Amino acid sequence: MDDLYIGINLPGSSNPDTIRGLLGRFEKDGFDYIEFTLDMLPLIIGGEIKRDYVDIIRSLLGEFSFKYSAHIGRGVDLRDTERFELQKKVLFSSIEISSILGMNPLVLHYEEQSKNQSVEERFLEVHIEAADYAAGYGITLCIENIEVERVDPVIEFVKMVSRPNFLMNFDTGHAFLASRYFHFDFLESLKRSL
């Protein structure tokens, strides 16, 4: 791919007028992509999609020519054993919202591994199920390494999910911080992720 696109994360706000103002500024500044953190907006409450608010945001996004990606990092924790069904519902609603709003890919967090093997097995199973569900919407899921976990488990996890629409989003800042804490070679981890 020879094209180069420059993107920016939308700062946290659930106010449509504030979002419109920020998008206008980013348009003037020459950005191509905007990453929305879905959990900063009241798009999903109790796992249910709030269609009225989704429609407001869809209309607002249509005023601009950006390409959009979505991020649902802190909004979903699929290792949460007490609220697993709710977490799963939020993930699947996020996939649907990403499709409705034209946001692709949807970035997820790997989170910190559990020491419980059954939790890890369920974590894998639900990501396979989510990737298959997302494929039906034309959405790519990207799982992101985080600063409190090593990179290699994320690389292996993507291989285990083994779906063409399930990729790794290598966060260089997170990997650099983790490399200092866990004492691994940052550049080697980047190479392994490619």
Protein backbone atom coordinates (compact mmCIF):
# COMPACT_ATOMS: atom_id res chain seq x y z
CA MET A 1 0.00 0.00 0.00
CA ASP A 2 1.63 3.22 -1.16
CA ASP A 3 -0.92 5.58 0.31
CA LEU A 4 -0.14 7.36 3.55
CA TYR A 5 -2.96 8.47 5.81
CA ILE A 6 -2.67 10.53 8.96
CA GLY A 7 -5.15 10.00 11.76
CA ILE A 8 -5.94 11.28 15.21
CA ASN A 9 -7.92 10.07 18.21
CA LEU A 10 -11.04 12.06 18.93
CA PRO A 11 -10.75 13.53 22.44
CA GLY A 12 -13.41 12.38 24.89
CA SER A 13 -16.76 14.10 24.56
CA SER A 14 -20.31 12.87 24.21
CA ASN A 15 -21.63 16.29 23.16
CA PRO A 16 -22.44 16.31 19.41
CA ASP A 17 -21.65 20.03 19.10
CA THR A 18 -18.23 19.53 20.68
CA ILE A 19 -17.57 16.54 18.41
CA ARG A 20 -18.62 18.58 15.37
CA GLY A 21 -16.25 21.38 16.39
CA LEU A 22 -13.35 18.97 16.87
CA LEU A 23 -13.99 17.27 13.54
CA GLY A 24 -14.10 20.66 11.82
CA ARG A 25 -10.77 21.56 13.36
CA PHE A 26 -9.24 18.21 12.37
CA GLU A 27 -10.51 18.69 8.83
CA LYS A 28 -8.77 22.09 8.64
CA ASP A 29 -5.61 20.53 10.07
CA GLY A 30 -5.56 17.98 7.23
CA PHE A 31 -6.24 14.71 9.02
CA ASP A 32 -7.59 11.76 7.01
CA TYR A 33 -8.67 9.29 9.70
CA ILE A 34 -10.43 9.73 13.02
CA GLU A 35 -10.45 7.07 15.72
CA PHE A 36 -13.56 7.11 17.89
CA THR A 37 -13.49 5.55 21.32
CA LEU A 38 -16.96 4.04 21.34
CA ASP A 39 -17.20 3.85 25.13
CA MET A 40 -16.92 7.65 25.43
CA LEU A 41 -20.30 7.96 23.72
CA PRO A 42 -23.68 6.72 25.03
CA LEU A 43 -24.05 4.37 22.06
CA ILE A 44 -24.42 1.22 24.16
CA ILE A 45 -26.08 1.05 27.55
CA GLY A 46 -26.44 -2.28 29.33
CA GLY A 47 -25.26 -4.02 26.18
CA GLU A 48 -28.10 -2.52 24.12
CA ILE A 49 -27.55 -0.19 21.17
CA LYS A 50 -29.06 3.26 21.69
CA ARG A 51 -30.31 3.75 18.13
CA ASP A 52 -31.35 7.39 18.59
CA TYR A 53 -27.85 8.42 19.61
CA VAL A 54 -26.28 6.24 16.89
CA ASP A 55 -28.44 8.09 14.34
CA ILE A 56 -27.28 11.47 15.71
CA ILE A 57 -23.63 10.44 15.42
CA ARG A 58 -24.14 8.91 11.95
CA SER A 59 -25.64 12.17 10.71
CA LEU A 60 -22.82 14.17 12.27
CA LEU A 61 -20.11 11.97 10.73
CA GLY A 62 -21.75 12.36 7.33
CA GLU A 63 -20.91 16.08 7.43
CA PHE A 64 -17.22 15.25 7.00
CA SER A 65 -15.16 13.24 4.52
CA PHE A 66 -13.00 11.40 7.06
CA LYS A 67 -12.43 7.69 7.22
CA TYR A 68 -13.22 6.40 10.69
CA SER A 69 -12.01 3.62 12.94
CA ALA A 70 -13.50 2.57 16.26
CA HIS A 71 -11.87 1.67 19.57
CA ILE A 72 -13.63 -0.16 22.39
CA GLY A 73 -10.68 -0.71 24.74
CA ARG A 74 -11.92 -0.05 28.25
CA GLY A 75 -15.53 -0.66 27.28
CA VAL A 76 -15.05 -4.43 26.94
CA ASP A 77 -13.22 -6.91 29.16
CA LEU A 78 -13.87 -10.45 28.00
CA ARG A 79 -11.95 -11.88 30.94
CA ASP A 80 -14.52 -10.41 33.36
CA THR A 81 -16.02 -13.63 34.71
CA GLU A 82 -18.77 -11.96 36.74
CA ARG A 83 -20.15 -9.91 33.85
CA PHE A 84 -19.04 -11.98 30.88
CA GLU A 85 -22.42 -12.08 29.10
CA LEU A 86 -22.76 -8.29 29.34
CA GLN A 87 -19.17 -7.82 28.10
CA LYS A 88 -19.85 -10.12 25.14
CA LYS A 89 -23.06 -8.27 24.33
CA VAL A 90 -21.19 -4.94 24.37
CA LEU A 91 -18.58 -6.35 21.95
CA PHE A 92 -21.19 -7.61 19.49
CA SER A 93 -23.13 -4.33 19.73
CA SER A 94 -19.85 -2.49 19.06
CA ILE A 95 -19.38 -4.49 15.87
CA GLU A 96 -22.86 -3.58 14.68
CA ILE A 97 -22.36 0.09 15.56
CA SER A 98 -19.03 0.14 13.73
CA SER A 99 -20.83 -1.08 10.63
CA ILE A 100 -23.68 1.42 10.96
CA LEU A 101 -21.26 4.32 11.43
CA GLY A 102 -18.81 3.21 8.73
CA MET A 103 -15.98 2.74 11.23
CA ASN A 104 -13.48 0.10 10.21
CA PRO A 105 -11.47 -1.43 11.82
CA LEU A 106 -12.74 -1.91 15.36
CA VAL A 107 -9.80 -2.01 17.80
CA LEU A 108 -10.04 -4.17 20.93
CA HIS A 109 -7.66 -4.50 23.87
CA TYR A 110 -5.94 -7.79 24.65
CA GLU A 111 -5.92 -6.98 28.36
CA GLU A 112 -3.90 -8.81 30.98
CA GLN A 113 -3.89 -12.59 30.77
CA SER A 114 -5.67 -14.59 33.44
CA LYS A 115 -4.05 -17.49 35.25
CA ASN A 116 -7.33 -19.39 34.80
CA GLN A 117 -7.17 -21.68 31.75
CA SER A 118 -10.96 -21.82 31.31
CA VAL A 119 -11.09 -18.00 31.22
CA GLU A 120 -8.39 -17.99 28.54
CA GLU A 121 -10.21 -20.66 26.50
CA ARG A 122 -13.45 -18.67 26.65
CA PHE A 123 -11.52 -15.49 25.73
CA LEU A 124 -10.28 -17.24 22.57
CA GLU A 125 -13.66 -18.76 21.71
CA VAL A 126 -15.54 -15.47 21.98
CA HIS A 127 -12.98 -13.70 19.78
CA ILE A 128 -13.35 -16.37 17.11
CA GLU A 129 -17.13 -15.98 17.34
CA ALA A 130 -16.80 -12.18 17.23
CA ALA A 131 -14.50 -12.30 14.18
CA ASP A 132 -17.01 -14.48 12.35
CA TYR A 133 -19.84 -12.13 13.34
CA ALA A 134 -17.82 -9.07 12.29
CA ALA A 135 -17.05 -10.66 8.92
CA GLY A 136 -20.78 -10.64 8.20
CA TYR A 137 -20.71 -6.87 8.63
CA GLY A 138 -17.49 -6.38 6.67
CA ILE A 139 -15.68 -5.28 9.84
CA THR A 140 -12.06 -6.07 10.67
CA LEU A 141 -11.23 -6.59 14.33
CA CYS A 142 -7.76 -5.52 15.48
CA ILE A 143 -6.55 -6.60 18.88
CA GLU A 144 -4.09 -4.22 20.48
CA ASN A 145 -1.22 -5.00 22.78
CA ILE A 146 -1.31 -3.08 26.04
CA GLU A 147 1.39 -1.73 28.29
CA VAL A 148 0.81 -4.21 31.14
CA GLU A 149 1.28 -7.31 29.01
CA ARG A 150 3.97 -8.80 26.78
CA VAL A 151 3.57 -8.58 23.00
CA ASP A 152 4.22 -12.25 22.11
CA PRO A 153 0.97 -13.58 23.66
CA VAL A 154 -0.98 -11.15 21.46
CA ILE A 155 0.88 -12.29 18.34
CA GLU A 156 0.13 -15.93 19.23
CA PHE A 157 -3.48 -15.09 20.02
CA VAL A 158 -4.04 -13.62 16.54
CA LYS A 159 -2.64 -16.84 15.06
CA MET A 160 -5.00 -18.92 17.22
CA VAL A 161 -8.07 -16.90 16.20
CA SER A 162 -6.96 -17.51 12.61
CA ARG A 163 -9.50 -15.37 10.80
CA PRO A 164 -8.64 -13.06 7.88
CA ASN A 165 -10.51 -10.16 9.52
CA PHE A 166 -8.76 -10.55 12.89
CA LEU A 167 -5.44 -8.73 13.00
CA MET A 168 -3.02 -7.21 15.47
CA ASN A 169 -2.88 -3.48 16.08
CA PHE A 170 0.71 -3.03 17.27
CA ASP A 171 0.73 -0.10 19.68
CA THR A 172 4.33 1.09 19.67
CA GLY A 173 3.96 3.16 22.84
CA HIS A 174 2.44 0.29 24.78
CA ALA A 175 5.07 -2.14 23.48
CA PHE A 176 7.91 0.20 24.39
CA LEU A 177 6.62 0.59 27.95
CA ALA A 178 6.08 -3.16 28.29
CA SER A 179 9.58 -3.88 26.93
CA ARG A 180 11.09 -1.81 29.72
CA TYR A 181 9.01 -3.49 32.41
CA PHE A 182 9.21 -7.09 31.12
CA HIS A 183 12.75 -6.77 29.69
CA PHE A 184 12.19 -7.82 26.08
CA ASP A 185 13.56 -6.38 22.85
CA PHE A 186 11.07 -3.80 21.59
CA LEU A 187 12.26 -3.88 17.95
CA GLU A 188 12.29 -7.68 17.83
CA SER A 189 8.71 -7.73 19.11
CA LEU A 190 7.75 -5.30 16.34
CA LYS A 191 9.36 -7.55 13.72
CA ARG A 192 7.54 -10.63 15.08
CA SER A 193 4.22 -8.81 14.85
CA LEU A 194 4.55 -8.16 11.10
